[in-house]
């Protein structure tokens, strides 16, 4: 039974990315959306995207760049308000 989670993982990651994109669009549509929340959602999407790229077999430098961008976005969202 260990193959079952491996089959569902790419679909779950795609679903999480779609939901994060929908939340980011909703935050952009709202007039008084807090920018740190939007940056946090985009940072989380960057982490999930890095995981998805790793699962797809992307080059380690691409995954590292995605993780670095997500980390900087998260840092900007919560510590440099």
C-alpha atoms as a PDB file:
ATOM      1  CA  UNK A   1       0.000   0.000   0.000  1.00  0.00           C
ATOM      2  CA  UNK A   2       2.908   2.512   0.059  1.00  0.00           C
ATOM      3  CA  UNK A   3       2.390   3.282  -3.644  1.00  0.00           C
ATOM      4  CA  UNK A   4      -0.991   4.912  -3.018  1.00  0.00           C
ATOM      5  CA  UNK A   5       0.332   8.130  -1.401  1.00  0.00           C
ATOM      6  CA  UNK A   6       2.971   8.406  -4.117  1.00  0.00           C
ATOM      7  CA  UNK A   7       0.228   8.323  -6.751  1.00  0.00           C
ATOM      8  CA  UNK A   8      -1.843  11.008  -5.037  1.00  0.00           C
ATOM      9  CA  UNK A   9       1.027  13.358  -4.148  1.00  0.00           C
ATOM     10  CA  UNK A  10       1.329  15.161  -7.532  1.00  0.00           C
ATOM     11  CA  UNK A  11      -2.435  15.703  -7.659  1.00  0.00           C
ATOM     12  CA  UNK A  12      -2.425  17.006  -4.098  1.00  0.00           C
ATOM     13  CA  UNK A  13       0.425  19.423  -4.849  1.00  0.00           C
ATOM     14  CA  UNK A  14      -1.375  20.691  -7.955  1.00  0.00           C
ATOM     15  CA  UNK A  15      -4.556  21.193  -5.935  1.00  0.00           C
ATOM     16  CA  UNK A  16      -2.662  23.123  -3.262  1.00  0.00           C
ATOM     17  CA  UNK A  17      -1.073  25.346  -5.941  1.00  0.00           C
ATOM     18  CA  UNK A  18      -4.463  26.062  -7.523  1.00  0.00           C
ATOM     19  CA  UNK A  19      -6.011  26.913  -4.150  1.00  0.00           C
ATOM     20  CA  UNK A  20      -3.096  29.199  -3.272  1.00  0.00           C
ATOM     21  CA  UNK A  21      -3.426  30.942  -6.634  1.00  0.00           C
ATOM     22  CA  UNK A  22      -7.147  31.406  -5.978  1.00  0.00           C
ATOM     23  CA  UNK A  23      -6.423  32.849  -2.532  1.00  0.00           C
ATOM     24  CA  UNK A  24      -3.808  35.212  -3.985  1.00  0.00           C
ATOM     25  CA  UNK A  25      -6.289  36.359  -6.646  1.00  0.00           C
ATOM     26  CA  UNK A  26      -8.919  36.908  -3.960  1.00  0.00           C
ATOM     27  CA  UNK A  27      -6.462  38.936  -1.862  1.00  0.00           C
ATOM     28  CA  UNK A  28      -5.566  41.045  -4.920  1.00  0.00           C
ATOM     29  CA  UNK A  29      -9.249  41.570  -5.716  1.00  0.00           C
ATOM     30  CA  UNK A  30     -10.009  42.805  -2.204  1.00  0.00           C
ATOM     31  CA  UNK A  31      -9.280  46.496  -1.850  1.00  0.00           C
ATOM     32  CA  UNK A  32      -7.757  46.591   1.658  1.00  0.00           C
ATOM     33  CA  UNK A  33      -5.854  43.308   1.387  1.00  0.00           C
ATOM     34  CA  UNK A  34      -2.901  43.186   3.778  1.00  0.00           C
ATOM     35  CA  UNK A  35       0.264  42.927   1.660  1.00  0.00           C
ATOM     36  CA  UNK A  36       2.067  40.686   4.165  1.00  0.00           C
ATOM     37  CA  UNK A  37      -0.700  38.088   3.847  1.00  0.00           C
ATOM     38  CA  UNK A  38      -0.429  38.116   0.057  1.00  0.00           C
ATOM     39  CA  UNK A  39       3.352  37.766   0.261  1.00  0.00           C
ATOM     40  CA  UNK A  40       2.950  34.890   2.701  1.00  0.00           C
ATOM     41  CA  UNK A  41       0.569  33.079   0.340  1.00  0.00           C
ATOM     42  CA  UNK A  42       2.979  33.579  -2.543  1.00  0.00           C
ATOM     43  CA  UNK A  43       5.882  32.325  -0.409  1.00  0.00           C
ATOM     44  CA  UNK A  44       3.898  29.206   0.478  1.00  0.00           C
ATOM     45  CA  UNK A  45       3.084  28.689  -3.180  1.00  0.00           C
ATOM     46  CA  UNK A  46       6.796  28.985  -3.941  1.00  0.00           C
ATOM     47  CA  UNK A  47       7.550  26.229  -1.438  1.00  0.00           C
ATOM     48  CA  UNK A  48       4.908  23.946  -2.931  1.00  0.00           C
ATOM     49  CA  UNK A  49       6.160  24.773  -6.423  1.00  0.00           C
ATOM     50  CA  UNK A  50       9.723  23.877  -5.391  1.00  0.00           C
ATOM     51  CA  UNK A  51       8.463  20.550  -4.051  1.00  0.00           C
ATOM     52  CA  UNK A  52       6.553  19.951  -7.283  1.00  0.00           C
ATOM     53  CA  UNK A  53       9.628  20.786  -9.374  1.00  0.00           C
ATOM     54  CA  UNK A  54      11.702  18.366  -7.305  1.00  0.00           C
ATOM     55  CA  UNK A  55       9.074  15.647  -7.828  1.00  0.00           C
ATOM     56  CA  UNK A  56       9.179  16.330 -11.579  1.00  0.00           C
ATOM     57  CA  UNK A  57      12.957  15.908 -11.660  1.00  0.00           C
ATOM     58  CA  UNK A  58      14.039  19.505 -12.163  1.00  0.00           C
ATOM     59  CA  UNK A  59      17.667  20.520 -11.793  1.00  0.00           C
ATOM     60  CA  UNK A  60      18.765  21.123  -8.191  1.00  0.00           C
ATOM     61  CA  UNK A  61      19.699  24.733  -8.985  1.00  0.00           C
ATOM     62  CA  UNK A  62      16.143  25.438 -10.181  1.00  0.00           C
ATOM     63  CA  UNK A  63      14.685  23.965  -6.992  1.00  0.00           C
ATOM     64  CA  UNK A  64      17.201  25.917  -4.885  1.00  0.00           C
ATOM     65  CA  UNK A  65      16.329  29.152  -6.696  1.00  0.00           C
ATOM     66  CA  UNK A  66      12.628  28.558  -6.091  1.00  0.00           C
ATOM     67  CA  UNK A  67      13.272  27.848  -2.398  1.00  0.00           C
ATOM     68  CA  UNK A  68      15.431  30.964  -2.109  1.00  0.00           C
ATOM     69  CA  UNK A  69      12.775  33.166  -3.703  1.00  0.00           C
ATOM     70  CA  UNK A  70      10.117  31.705  -1.412  1.00  0.00           C
ATOM     71  CA  UNK A  71      12.313  32.284   1.627  1.00  0.00           C
ATOM     72  CA  UNK A  72      13.007  35.899   0.690  1.00  0.00           C
ATOM     73  CA  UNK A  73       9.323  36.482   0.025  1.00  0.00           C
ATOM     74  CA  UNK A  74       8.411  35.040   3.412  1.00  0.00           C
ATOM     75  CA  UNK A  75      11.105  37.130   5.101  1.00  0.00           C
ATOM     76  CA  UNK A  76       9.769  40.249   3.407  1.00  0.00           C
ATOM     77  CA  UNK A  77       6.194  39.394   4.383  1.00  0.00           C
ATOM     78  CA  UNK A  78       6.675  38.953   8.112  1.00  0.00           C
ATOM     79  CA  UNK A  79       9.881  40.582   9.313  1.00  0.00           C
ATOM     80  CA  UNK A  80      10.141  43.714   7.177  1.00  0.00           C
ATOM     81  CA  UNK A  81       6.660  45.160   7.572  1.00  0.00           C
END
